[in-house]
Amino acid sequence: MFNADAFGKMKSGAILVNTARGGLVDQTALYDALKSGKLAAAALDVSDPEPLPAAHPLLTLDNLLMTPHTASASLSTREKMSLMAAENVLAGLRGERLPNCVNFDVYG
């Protein structure tokens, strides 16, 4: 999704933030865009592979912020995630609409 062509269409000085999936960003193209200054910076919470190898070229750049993809690692967040999953399972078993559905198109 974000490759050399996409970076070329972005405004110079743009900042890329990816918290979705590592595979959405061509990391070689990202490196080139950051190194050349086309992109001012990037912040990645995900990579492909995850984690990036310590010798990966992206990790040599001063204009890259890499986080360990642990935003949901708090006790309260994990408890809420478990509760939401359980609510979905119970509703599904009862034949009801899922209260925490992420794709409402499944209901037509």
PDB file of N, CA and C in Angstrom:
ATOM      1  N   MET A   1       0.814  -1.182   0.000  1.00  0.00           N
ATOM      2  CA  MET A   1       0.000   0.000   0.000  1.00  0.00           C
ATOM      3  C   MET A   1       0.871   1.266   0.000  1.00  0.00           C
ATOM      4  N   PHE A   2       1.895   1.286   0.825  1.00  0.00           N
ATOM      5  CA  PHE A   2       2.831   2.413   0.852  1.00  0.00           C
ATOM      6  C   PHE A   2       4.157   1.925   0.285  1.00  0.00           C
ATOM      7  N   ASN A   3       4.350   2.229  -0.999  1.00  0.00           N
ATOM      8  CA  ASN A   3       5.561   1.829  -1.702  1.00  0.00           C
ATOM      9  C   ASN A   3       6.216   3.079  -2.287  1.00  0.00           C
ATOM     10  N   ALA A   4       7.221   2.886  -3.120  1.00  0.00           N
ATOM     11  CA  ALA A   4       7.944   4.028  -3.686  1.00  0.00           C
ATOM     12  C   ALA A   4       7.006   4.948  -4.457  1.00  0.00           C
ATOM     13  N   ASP A   5       6.056   4.375  -5.186  1.00  0.00           N
ATOM     14  CA  ASP A   5       5.109   5.185  -5.946  1.00  0.00           C
ATOM     15  C   ASP A   5       4.245   6.034  -5.003  1.00  0.00           C
ATOM     16  N   ALA A   6       3.761   5.423  -3.936  1.00  0.00           N
ATOM     17  CA  ALA A   6       2.928   6.157  -2.969  1.00  0.00           C
ATOM     18  C   ALA A   6       3.731   7.255  -2.286  1.00  0.00           C
ATOM     19  N   PHE A   7       4.952   6.949  -1.894  1.00  0.00           N
ATOM     20  CA  PHE A   7       5.787   7.970  -1.250  1.00  0.00           C
ATOM     21  C   PHE A   7       6.077   9.115  -2.215  1.00  0.00           C
ATOM     22  N   GLY A   8       6.246   8.790  -3.486  1.00  0.00           N
ATOM     23  CA  GLY A   8       6.497   9.818  -4.489  1.00  0.00           C
ATOM     24  C   GLY A   8       5.344  10.791  -4.651  1.00  0.00           C
ATOM     25  N   LYS A   9       4.132  10.334  -4.361  1.00  0.00           N
ATOM     26  CA  LYS A   9       2.940  11.172  -4.484  1.00  0.00           C
ATOM     27  C   LYS A   9       2.669  12.003  -3.229  1.00  0.00           C
ATOM     28  N   MET A  10       3.363  11.679  -2.160  1.00  0.00           N
ATOM     29  CA  MET A  10       3.146  12.403  -0.904  1.00  0.00           C
ATOM     30  C   MET A  10       3.856  13.745  -0.928  1.00  0.00           C
ATOM     31  N   LYS A  11       3.304  14.678  -0.182  1.00  0.00           N
ATOM     32  CA  LYS A  11       3.910  16.004  -0.058  1.00  0.00           C
ATOM     33  C   LYS A  11       5.294  15.858   0.582  1.00  0.00           C
ATOM     34  N   SER A  12       6.270  16.534   0.053  1.00  0.00           N
ATOM     35  CA  SER A  12       7.605  16.503   0.659  1.00  0.00           C
ATOM     36  C   SER A  12       7.507  16.986   2.102  1.00  0.00           C
ATOM     37  N   GLY A  13       8.213  16.297   2.977  1.00  0.00           N
ATOM     38  CA  GLY A  13       8.182  16.647   4.387  1.00  0.00           C
ATOM     39  C   GLY A  13       7.076  15.968   5.168  1.00  0.00           C
ATOM     40  N   ALA A  14       6.310  15.099   4.507  1.00  0.00           N
ATOM     41  CA  ALA A  14       5.227  14.380   5.191  1.00  0.00           C
ATOM     42  C   ALA A  14       5.803  13.428   6.234  1.00  0.00           C
ATOM     43  N   ILE A  15       4.951  13.049   7.167  1.00  0.00           N
ATOM     44  CA  ILE A  15       5.324  12.094   8.209  1.00  0.00           C
ATOM     45  C   ILE A  15       4.395  10.895   8.090  1.00  0.00           C
ATOM     46  N   LEU A  16       4.967   9.713   8.047  1.00  0.00           N
ATOM     47  CA  LEU A  16       4.187   8.482   7.974  1.00  0.00           C
ATOM     48  C   LEU A  16       4.085   7.866   9.361  1.00  0.00           C
ATOM     49  N   VAL A  17       2.870   7.489   9.752  1.00  0.00           N
ATOM     50  CA  VAL A  17       2.636   6.782  11.008  1.00  0.00           C
ATOM     51  C   VAL A  17       1.909   5.488  10.659  1.00  0.00           C
ATOM     52  N   ASN A  18       2.469   4.359  11.060  1.00  0.00           N
ATOM     53  CA  ASN A  18       1.816   3.070  10.812  1.00  0.00           C
ATOM     54  C   ASN A  18       1.646   2.318  12.122  1.00  0.00           C
ATOM     55  N   THR A  19       0.392   2.157  12.527  1.00  0.00           N
ATOM     56  CA  THR A  19       0.067   1.343  13.697  1.00  0.00           C
ATOM     57  C   THR A  19      -0.813   0.169  13.291  1.00  0.00           C
ATOM     58  N   ALA A  20      -0.998  -0.037  11.983  1.00  0.00           N
ATOM     59  CA  ALA A  20      -1.920  -1.050  11.488  1.00  0.00           C
ATOM     60  C   ALA A  20      -1.239  -2.408  11.310  1.00  0.00           C
ATOM     61  N   ARG A  21      -0.557  -2.591  10.201  1.00  0.00           N
ATOM     62  CA  ARG A  21       0.133  -3.834   9.875  1.00  0.00           C
ATOM     63  C   ARG A  21       1.458  -3.500   9.224  1.00  0.00           C
ATOM     64  N   GLY A  22       2.484  -4.257   9.571  1.00  0.00           N
ATOM     65  CA  GLY A  22       3.811  -4.014   9.015  1.00  0.00           C
ATOM     66  C   GLY A  22       3.852  -4.178   7.515  1.00  0.00           C
ATOM     67  N   GLY A  23       3.112  -5.137   6.984  1.00  0.00           N
ATOM     68  CA  GLY A  23       3.125  -5.425   5.560  1.00  0.00           C
ATOM     69  C   GLY A  23       2.526  -4.335   4.688  1.00  0.00           C
ATOM     70  N   LEU A  24       1.902  -3.344   5.280  1.00  0.00           N
ATOM     71  CA  LEU A  24       1.325  -2.248   4.491  1.00  0.00           C
ATOM     72  C   LEU A  24       2.386  -1.311   3.948  1.00  0.00           C
ATOM     73  N   VAL A  25       3.575  -1.350   4.519  1.00  0.00           N
ATOM     74  CA  VAL A  25       4.641  -0.423   4.139  1.00  0.00           C
ATOM     75  C   VAL A  25       5.816  -1.204   3.547  1.00  0.00           C
ATOM     76  N   ASP A  26       6.200  -0.824   2.345  1.00  0.00           N
ATOM     77  CA  ASP A  26       7.423  -1.356   1.736  1.00  0.00           C
ATOM     78  C   ASP A  26       8.586  -0.712   2.480  1.00  0.00           C
ATOM     79  N   GLN A  27       9.235  -1.480   3.331  1.00  0.00           N
ATOM     80  CA  GLN A  27      10.248  -0.920   4.222  1.00  0.00           C
ATOM     81  C   GLN A  27      11.491  -0.458   3.487  1.00  0.00           C
ATOM     82  N   THR A  28      11.804  -1.057   2.357  1.00  0.00           N
ATOM     83  CA  THR A  28      12.935  -0.589   1.555  1.00  0.00           C
ATOM     84  C   THR A  28      12.614   0.781   0.972  1.00  0.00           C
ATOM     85  N   ALA A  29      11.392   0.930   0.450  1.00  0.00           N
ATOM     86  CA  ALA A  29      10.962   2.221  -0.097  1.00  0.00           C
ATOM     87  C   ALA A  29      10.873   3.264   1.012  1.00  0.00           C
ATOM     88  N   LEU A  30      10.435   2.857   2.196  1.00  0.00           N
ATOM     89  CA  LEU A  30      10.373   3.782   3.323  1.00  0.00           C
ATOM     90  C   LEU A  30      11.774   4.260   3.683  1.00  0.00           C
ATOM     91  N   TYR A  31      12.719   3.341   3.742  1.00  0.00           N
ATOM     92  CA  TYR A  31      14.103   3.710   4.041  1.00  0.00           C
ATOM     93  C   TYR A  31      14.592   4.756   3.033  1.00  0.00           C
ATOM     94  N   ASP A  32      14.364   4.483   1.752  1.00  0.00           N
ATOM     95  CA  ASP A  32      14.817   5.399   0.705  1.00  0.00           C
ATOM     96  C   ASP A  32      14.164   6.778   0.855  1.00  0.00           C
ATOM     97  N   ALA A  33      12.850   6.803   1.144  1.00  0.00           N
ATOM     98  CA  ALA A  33      12.128   8.069   1.280  1.00  0.00           C
ATOM     99  C   ALA A  33      12.612   8.858   2.498  1.00  0.00           C
ATOM    100  N   LEU A  34      12.910   8.165   3.576  1.00  0.00           N
ATOM    101  CA  LEU A  34      13.418   8.837   4.769  1.00  0.00           C
ATOM    102  C   LEU A  34      14.855   9.319   4.567  1.00  0.00           C
ATOM    103  N   LYS A  35      15.671   8.481   3.961  1.00  0.00           N
ATOM    104  CA  LYS A  35      17.085   8.809   3.758  1.00  0.00           C
ATOM    105  C   LYS A  35      17.240  10.008   2.814  1.00  0.00           C
ATOM    106  N   SER A  36      16.379  10.057   1.785  1.00  0.00           N
ATOM    107  CA  SER A  36      16.471  11.138   0.803  1.00  0.00           C
ATOM    108  C   SER A  36      15.841  12.443   1.298  1.00  0.00           C
ATOM    109  N   GLY A  37      15.047  12.366   2.355  1.00  0.00           N
ATOM    110  CA  GLY A  37      14.365  13.549   2.859  1.00  0.00           C
ATOM    111  C   GLY A  37      12.984  13.751   2.268  1.00  0.00           C
ATOM    112  N   LYS A  38      12.558  12.868   1.349  1.00  0.00           N
ATOM    113  CA  LYS A  38      11.201  12.975   0.794  1.00  0.00           C
ATOM    114  C   LYS A  38      10.185  12.948   1.935  1.00  0.00           C
ATOM    115  N   LEU A  39      10.358  12.015   2.846  1.00  0.00           N
ATOM    116  CA  LEU A  39       9.557  11.997   4.072  1.00  0.00           C
ATOM    117  C   LEU A  39      10.403  12.609   5.177  1.00  0.00           C
ATOM    118  N   ALA A  40       9.768  13.451   5.982  1.00  0.00           N
ATOM    119  CA  ALA A  40      10.502  14.066   7.094  1.00  0.00           C
ATOM    120  C   ALA A  40      10.774  13.058   8.191  1.00  0.00           C
ATOM    121  N   ALA A  41       9.806  12.168   8.410  1.00  0.00           N
ATOM    122  CA  ALA A  41       9.949  11.208   9.503  1.00  0.00           C
ATOM    123  C   ALA A  41       8.915  10.100   9.351  1.00  0.00           C
ATOM    124  N   ALA A  42       9.111   9.059  10.133  1.00  0.00           N
ATOM    125  CA  ALA A  42       8.136   7.980  10.201  1.00  0.00           C
ATOM    126  C   ALA A  42       8.107   7.446  11.623  1.00  0.00           C
ATOM    127  N   ALA A  43       6.936   7.002  12.028  1.00  0.00           N
ATOM    128  CA  ALA A  43       6.757   6.346  13.318  1.00  0.00           C
ATOM    129  C   ALA A  43       6.069   5.020  13.047  1.00  0.00           C
ATOM    130  N   LEU A  44       6.696   3.944  13.472  1.00  0.00           N
ATOM    131  CA  LEU A  44       6.162   2.607  13.224  1.00  0.00           C
ATOM    132  C   LEU A  44       5.947   1.874  14.531  1.00  0.00           C
ATOM    133  N   ASP A  45       4.755   1.361  14.696  1.00  0.00           N
ATOM    134  CA  ASP A  45       4.438   0.512  15.839  1.00  0.00           C
ATOM    135  C   ASP A  45       4.441  -0.951  15.399  1.00  0.00           C
ATOM    136  N   VAL A  46       4.566  -1.169  14.099  1.00  0.00           N
ATOM    137  CA  VAL A  46       4.546  -2.502  13.506  1.00  0.00           C
ATOM    138  C   VAL A  46       5.607  -2.571  12.413  1.00  0.00           C
ATOM    139  N   SER A  47       6.059  -3.767  12.129  1.00  0.00           N
ATOM    140  CA  SER A  47       7.036  -3.973  11.063  1.00  0.00           C
ATOM    141  C   SER A  47       6.847  -5.381  10.511  1.00  0.00           C
ATOM    142  N   ASP A  48       7.556  -5.660   9.432  1.00  0.00           N
ATOM    143  CA  ASP A  48       7.522  -6.992   8.841  1.00  0.00           C
ATOM    144  C   ASP A  48       8.933  -7.351   8.415  1.00  0.00           C
ATOM    145  N   PRO A  49       9.606  -8.252   9.151  1.00  0.00           N
ATOM    146  CA  PRO A  49       9.108  -9.025  10.298  1.00  0.00           C
ATOM    147  C   PRO A  49       9.057  -8.169  11.558  1.00  0.00           C
ATOM    148  N   GLU A  50       8.439  -8.744  12.566  1.00  0.00           N
ATOM    149  CA  GLU A  50       8.348  -8.059  13.855  1.00  0.00           C
ATOM    150  C   GLU A  50       8.946  -8.957  14.926  1.00  0.00           C
ATOM    151  N   PRO A  51       9.912  -8.482  15.635  1.00  0.00           N
ATOM    152  CA  PRO A  51      10.568  -7.181  15.512  1.00  0.00           C
ATOM    153  C   PRO A  51      11.554  -7.162  14.348  1.00  0.00           C
ATOM    154  N   LEU A  52      11.938  -5.967  13.962  1.00  0.00           N
ATOM    155  CA  LEU A  52      12.960  -5.849  12.925  1.00  0.00           C
ATOM    156  C   LEU A  52      14.283  -6.370  13.465  1.00  0.00           C
ATOM    157  N   PRO A  53      15.076  -7.010  12.620  1.00  0.00           N
ATOM    158  CA  PRO A  53      16.418  -7.415  13.055  1.00  0.00           C
ATOM    159  C   PRO A  53      17.228  -6.188  13.472  1.00  0.00           C
ATOM    160  N   ALA A  54      18.075  -6.332  14.444  1.00  0.00           N
ATOM    161  CA  ALA A  54      18.855  -5.212  14.973  1.00  0.00           C
ATOM    162  C   ALA A  54      19.692  -4.524  13.900  1.00  0.00           C
ATOM    163  N   ALA A  55      20.094  -5.241  12.873  1.00  0.00           N
ATOM    164  CA  ALA A  55      20.929  -4.667  11.812  1.00  0.00           C
ATOM    165  C   ALA A  55      20.107  -4.078  10.661  1.00  0.00           C
ATOM    166  N   HIS A  56      18.788  -3.991  10.801  1.00  0.00           N
ATOM    167  CA  HIS A  56      17.951  -3.473   9.707  1.00  0.00           C
ATOM    168  C   HIS A  56      18.300  -2.008   9.436  1.00  0.00           C
ATOM    169  N   PRO A  57      18.435  -1.631   8.156  1.00  0.00           N
ATOM    170  CA  PRO A  57      18.814  -0.253   7.809  1.00  0.00           C
ATOM    171  C   PRO A  57      17.877   0.820   8.373  1.00  0.00           C
ATOM    172  N   LEU A  58      16.581   0.526   8.476  1.00  0.00           N
ATOM    173  CA  LEU A  58      15.659   1.529   9.028  1.00  0.00           C
ATOM    174  C   LEU A  58      16.082   1.976  10.427  1.00  0.00           C
ATOM    175  N   LEU A  59      16.625   1.050  11.195  1.00  0.00           N
ATOM    176  CA  LEU A  59      16.976   1.357  12.574  1.00  0.00           C
ATOM    177  C   LEU A  59      18.209   2.245  12.704  1.00  0.00           C
ATOM    178  N   THR A  60      18.850   2.556  11.573  1.00  0.00           N
ATOM    179  CA  THR A  60      20.007   3.451  11.588  1.00  0.00           C
ATOM    180  C   THR A  60      19.603   4.913  11.413  1.00  0.00           C
ATOM    181  N   LEU A  61      18.332   5.155  11.111  1.00  0.00           N
ATOM    182  CA  LEU A  61      17.875   6.505  10.774  1.00  0.00           C
ATOM    183  C   LEU A  61      17.444   7.290  12.007  1.00  0.00           C
ATOM    184  N   ASP A  62      17.840   8.550  12.045  1.00  0.00           N
ATOM    185  CA  ASP A  62      17.437   9.435  13.146  1.00  0.00           C
ATOM    186  C   ASP A  62      16.006   9.931  13.002  1.00  0.00           C
ATOM    187  N   ASN A  63      15.425   9.824  11.807  1.00  0.00           N
ATOM    188  CA  ASN A  63      14.067  10.317  11.586  1.00  0.00           C
ATOM    189  C   ASN A  63      13.025   9.198  11.582  1.00  0.00           C
ATOM    190  N   LEU A  64      13.350   8.098  12.259  1.00  0.00           N
ATOM    191  CA  LEU A  64      12.417   6.990  12.439  1.00  0.00           C
ATOM    192  C   LEU A  64      12.224   6.742  13.923  1.00  0.00           C
ATOM    193  N   LEU A  65      10.966   6.674  14.329  1.00  0.00           N
ATOM    194  CA  LEU A  65      10.620   6.284  15.693  1.00  0.00           C
ATOM    195  C   LEU A  65       9.994   4.904  15.613  1.00  0.00           C
ATOM    196  N   MET A  66      10.564   3.956  16.326  1.00  0.00           N
ATOM    197  CA  MET A  66      10.073   2.578  16.316  1.00  0.00           C
ATOM    198  C   MET A  66       9.630   2.234  17.724  1.00  0.00           C
ATOM    199  N   THR A  67       8.379   1.771  17.867  1.00  0.00           N
ATOM    200  CA  THR A  67       7.879   1.364  19.175  1.00  0.00           C
ATOM    201  C   THR A  67       7.618  -0.140  19.156  1.00  0.00           C
ATOM    202  N   PRO A  68       7.518  -0.774  20.305  1.00  0.00           N
ATOM    203  CA  PRO A  68       7.456  -2.242  20.369  1.00  0.00           C
ATOM    204  C   PRO A  68       6.081  -2.870  20.193  1.00  0.00           C
ATOM    205  N   HIS A  69       5.101  -2.157  19.670  1.00  0.00           N
ATOM    206  CA  HIS A  69       3.765  -2.713  19.404  1.00  0.00           C
ATOM    207  C   HIS A  69       3.152  -3.322  20.663  1.00  0.00           C
ATOM    208  N   THR A  70       3.204  -2.562  21.737  1.00  0.00           N
ATOM    209  CA  THR A  70       2.655  -3.047  23.006  1.00  0.00           C
ATOM    210  C   THR A  70       1.641  -2.078  23.600  1.00  0.00           C
ATOM    211  N   ALA A  71       0.967  -1.325  22.738  1.00  0.00           N
ATOM    212  CA  ALA A  71       0.015  -0.329  23.235  1.00  0.00           C
ATOM    213  C   ALA A  71      -1.113  -0.964  24.046  1.00  0.00           C
ATOM    214  N   SER A  72      -1.419  -2.213  23.772  1.00  0.00           N
ATOM    215  CA  SER A  72      -2.519  -2.862  24.496  1.00  0.00           C
ATOM    216  C   SER A  72      -2.026  -3.682  25.681  1.00  0.00           C
ATOM    217  N   ALA A  73      -0.826  -3.453  26.119  1.00  0.00           N
ATOM    218  CA  ALA A  73      -0.238  -4.324  27.136  1.00  0.00           C
ATOM    219  C   ALA A  73      -0.589  -3.944  28.576  1.00  0.00           C
ATOM    220  N   SER A  74      -1.503  -3.019  28.784  1.00  0.00           N
ATOM    221  CA  SER A  74      -1.875  -2.695  30.163  1.00  0.00           C
ATOM    222  C   SER A  74      -2.917  -3.694  30.667  1.00  0.00           C
ATOM    223  N   LEU A  75      -2.956  -3.891  31.950  1.00  0.00           N
ATOM    224  CA  LEU A  75      -3.906  -4.819  32.547  1.00  0.00           C
ATOM    225  C   LEU A  75      -5.342  -4.404  32.229  1.00  0.00           C
ATOM    226  N   SER A  76      -5.652  -3.124  32.350  1.00  0.00           N
ATOM    227  CA  SER A  76      -7.034  -2.686  32.110  1.00  0.00           C
ATOM    228  C   SER A  76      -7.436  -2.886  30.645  1.00  0.00           C
ATOM    229  N   THR A  77      -6.515  -2.646  29.713  1.00  0.00           N
ATOM    230  CA  THR A  77      -6.831  -2.854  28.298  1.00  0.00           C
ATOM    231  C   THR A  77      -7.041  -4.326  28.001  1.00  0.00           C
ATOM    232  N   ARG A  78      -6.180  -5.182  28.509  1.00  0.00           N
ATOM    233  CA  ARG A  78      -6.334  -6.620  28.263  1.00  0.00           C
ATOM    234  C   ARG A  78      -7.619  -7.157  28.892  1.00  0.00           C
ATOM    235  N   GLU A  79      -7.990  -6.650  30.063  1.00  0.00           N
ATOM    236  CA  GLU A  79      -9.250  -7.071  30.682  1.00  0.00           C
ATOM    237  C   GLU A  79     -10.429  -6.665  29.809  1.00  0.00           C
ATOM    238  N   LYS A  80     -10.403  -5.436  29.291  1.00  0.00           N
ATOM    239  CA  LYS A  80     -11.484  -4.953  28.425  1.00  0.00           C
ATOM    240  C   LYS A  80     -11.542  -5.761  27.139  1.00  0.00           C
ATOM    241  N   MET A  81     -10.399  -6.082  26.559  1.00  0.00           N
ATOM    242  CA  MET A  81     -10.368  -6.891  25.341  1.00  0.00           C
ATOM    243  C   MET A  81     -10.976  -8.272  25.596  1.00  0.00           C
ATOM    244  N   SER A  82     -10.659  -8.872  26.734  1.00  0.00           N
ATOM    245  CA  SER A  82     -11.200 -10.189  27.082  1.00  0.00           C
ATOM    246  C   SER A  82     -12.706 -10.122  27.272  1.00  0.00           C
ATOM    247  N   LEU A  83     -13.172  -9.079  27.933  1.00  0.00           N
ATOM    248  CA  LEU A  83     -14.601  -8.903  28.155  1.00  0.00           C
ATOM    249  C   LEU A  83     -15.343  -8.722  26.834  1.00  0.00           C
ATOM    250  N   MET A  84     -14.791  -7.918  25.941  1.00  0.00           N
ATOM    251  CA  MET A  84     -15.426  -7.696  24.642  1.00  0.00           C
ATOM    252  C   MET A  84     -15.495  -8.987  23.830  1.00  0.00           C
ATOM    253  N   ALA A  85     -14.434  -9.781  23.864  1.00  0.00           N
ATOM    254  CA  ALA A  85     -14.433 -11.056  23.145  1.00  0.00           C
ATOM    255  C   ALA A  85     -15.484 -11.998  23.719  1.00  0.00           C
ATOM    256  N   ALA A  86     -15.566 -12.071  25.037  1.00  0.00           N
ATOM    257  CA  ALA A  86     -16.555 -12.933  25.681  1.00  0.00           C
ATOM    258  C   ALA A  86     -17.978 -12.478  25.342  1.00  0.00           C
ATOM    259  N   GLU A  87     -18.213 -11.163  25.340  1.00  0.00           N
ATOM    260  CA  GLU A  87     -19.540 -10.644  24.985  1.00  0.00           C
ATOM    261  C   GLU A  87     -19.905 -11.030  23.556  1.00  0.00           C
ATOM    262  N   ASN A  88     -18.946 -10.976  22.649  1.00  0.00           N
ATOM    263  CA  ASN A  88     -19.203 -11.382  21.270  1.00  0.00           C
ATOM    264  C   ASN A  88     -19.535 -12.860  21.173  1.00  0.00           C
ATOM    265  N   VAL A  89     -18.777 -13.692  21.867  1.00  0.00           N
ATOM    266  CA  VAL A  89     -19.023 -15.141  21.831  1.00  0.00           C
ATOM    267  C   VAL A  89     -20.419 -15.448  22.353  1.00  0.00           C
ATOM    268  N   LEU A  90     -20.775 -14.880  23.494  1.00  0.00           N
ATOM    269  CA  LEU A  90     -22.096 -15.157  24.083  1.00  0.00           C
ATOM    270  C   LEU A  90     -23.220 -14.675  23.176  1.00  0.00           C
ATOM    271  N   ALA A  91     -23.079 -13.492  22.609  1.00  0.00           N
ATOM    272  CA  ALA A  91     -24.101 -12.984  21.697  1.00  0.00           C
ATOM    273  C   ALA A  91     -24.210 -13.876  20.468  1.00  0.00           C
ATOM    274  N   GLY A  92     -23.081 -14.302  19.930  1.00  0.00           N
ATOM    275  CA  GLY A  92     -23.101 -15.194  18.771  1.00  0.00           C
ATOM    276  C   GLY A  92     -23.783 -16.508  19.069  1.00  0.00           C
ATOM    277  N   LEU A  93     -23.523 -17.069  20.232  1.00  0.00           N
ATOM    278  CA  LEU A  93     -24.173 -18.329  20.618  1.00  0.00           C
ATOM    279  C   LEU A  93     -25.684 -18.165  20.781  1.00  0.00           C
ATOM    280  N   ARG A  94     -26.113 -16.962  21.159  1.00  0.00           N
ATOM    281  CA  ARG A  94     -27.543 -16.684  21.311  1.00  0.00           C
ATOM    282  C   ARG A  94     -28.181 -16.266  19.988  1.00  0.00           C
ATOM    283  N   GLY A  95     -27.380 -16.156  18.924  1.00  0.00           N
ATOM    284  CA  GLY A  95     -27.894 -15.735  17.626  1.00  0.00           C
ATOM    285  C   GLY A  95     -28.155 -14.248  17.541  1.00  0.00           C
ATOM    286  N   GLU A  96     -27.528 -13.472  18.395  1.00  0.00           N
ATOM    287  CA  GLU A  96     -27.715 -12.022  18.437  1.00  0.00           C
ATOM    288  C   GLU A  96     -26.589 -11.318  17.679  1.00  0.00           C
ATOM    289  N   ARG A  97     -26.821 -10.045  17.365  1.00  0.00           N
ATOM    290  CA  ARG A  97     -25.760  -9.231  16.759  1.00  0.00           C
ATOM    291  C   ARG A  97     -24.611  -9.087  17.748  1.00  0.00           C
ATOM    292  N   LEU A  98     -23.421  -9.131  17.245  1.00  0.00           N
ATOM    293  CA  LEU A  98     -22.250  -9.000  18.110  1.00  0.00           C
ATOM    294  C   LEU A  98     -22.139  -7.559  18.607  1.00  0.00           C
ATOM    295  N   PRO A  99     -22.030  -7.343  19.899  1.00  0.00           N
ATOM    296  CA  PRO A  99     -21.967  -5.984  20.416  1.00  0.00           C
ATOM    297  C   PRO A  99     -20.658  -5.260  20.085  1.00  0.00           C
ATOM    298  N   ASN A 100     -19.622  -6.014  19.770  1.00  0.00           N
ATOM    299  CA  ASN A 100     -18.314  -5.424  19.468  1.00  0.00           C
ATOM    300  C   ASN A 100     -17.849  -5.840  18.077  1.00  0.00           C
ATOM    301  N   CYS A 101     -18.775  -5.795  17.135  1.00  0.00           N
ATOM    302  CA  CYS A 101     -18.481  -6.203  15.763  1.00  0.00           C
ATOM    303  C   CYS A 101     -17.611  -5.151  15.078  1.00  0.00           C
ATOM    304  N   VAL A 102     -16.619  -5.598  14.337  1.00  0.00           N
ATOM    305  CA  VAL A 102     -15.756  -4.663  13.612  1.00  0.00           C
ATOM    306  C   VAL A 102     -16.119  -4.592  12.133  1.00  0.00           C
ATOM    307  N   ASN A 103     -17.034  -5.426  11.672  1.00  0.00           N
ATOM    308  CA  ASN A 103     -17.441  -5.430  10.271  1.00  0.00           C
ATOM    309  C   ASN A 103     -18.962  -5.607  10.194  1.00  0.00           C
ATOM    310  N   PHE A 104     -19.682  -4.501  10.336  1.00  0.00           N
ATOM    311  CA  PHE A 104     -21.141  -4.565  10.347  1.00  0.00           C
ATOM    312  C   PHE A 104     -21.723  -4.956   8.998  1.00  0.00           C
ATOM    313  N   ASP A 105     -20.914  -4.982   7.937  1.00  0.00           N
ATOM    314  CA  ASP A 105     -21.389  -5.415   6.625  1.00  0.00           C
ATOM    315  C   ASP A 105     -21.847  -6.877   6.650  1.00  0.00           C
ATOM    316  N   VAL A 106     -21.389  -7.660   7.602  1.00  0.00           N
ATOM    317  CA  VAL A 106     -21.793  -9.070   7.690  1.00  0.00           C
ATOM    318  C   VAL A 106     -23.278  -9.204   7.974  1.00  0.00           C
ATOM    319  N   TYR A 107     -23.902  -8.125   8.433  1.00  0.00           N
ATOM    320  CA  TYR A 107     -25.330  -8.170   8.730  1.00  0.00           C
ATOM    321  C   TYR A 107     -26.188  -7.722   7.555  1.00  0.00           C
ATOM    322  N   GLY A 108     -25.556  -7.408   6.430  1.00  0.00           N
ATOM    323  CA  GLY A 108     -26.314  -7.019   5.234  1.00  0.00           C
ATOM    324  C   GLY A 108     -26.710  -5.647   5.302  1.00  0.00           C
TER     325      GLY A 108
END
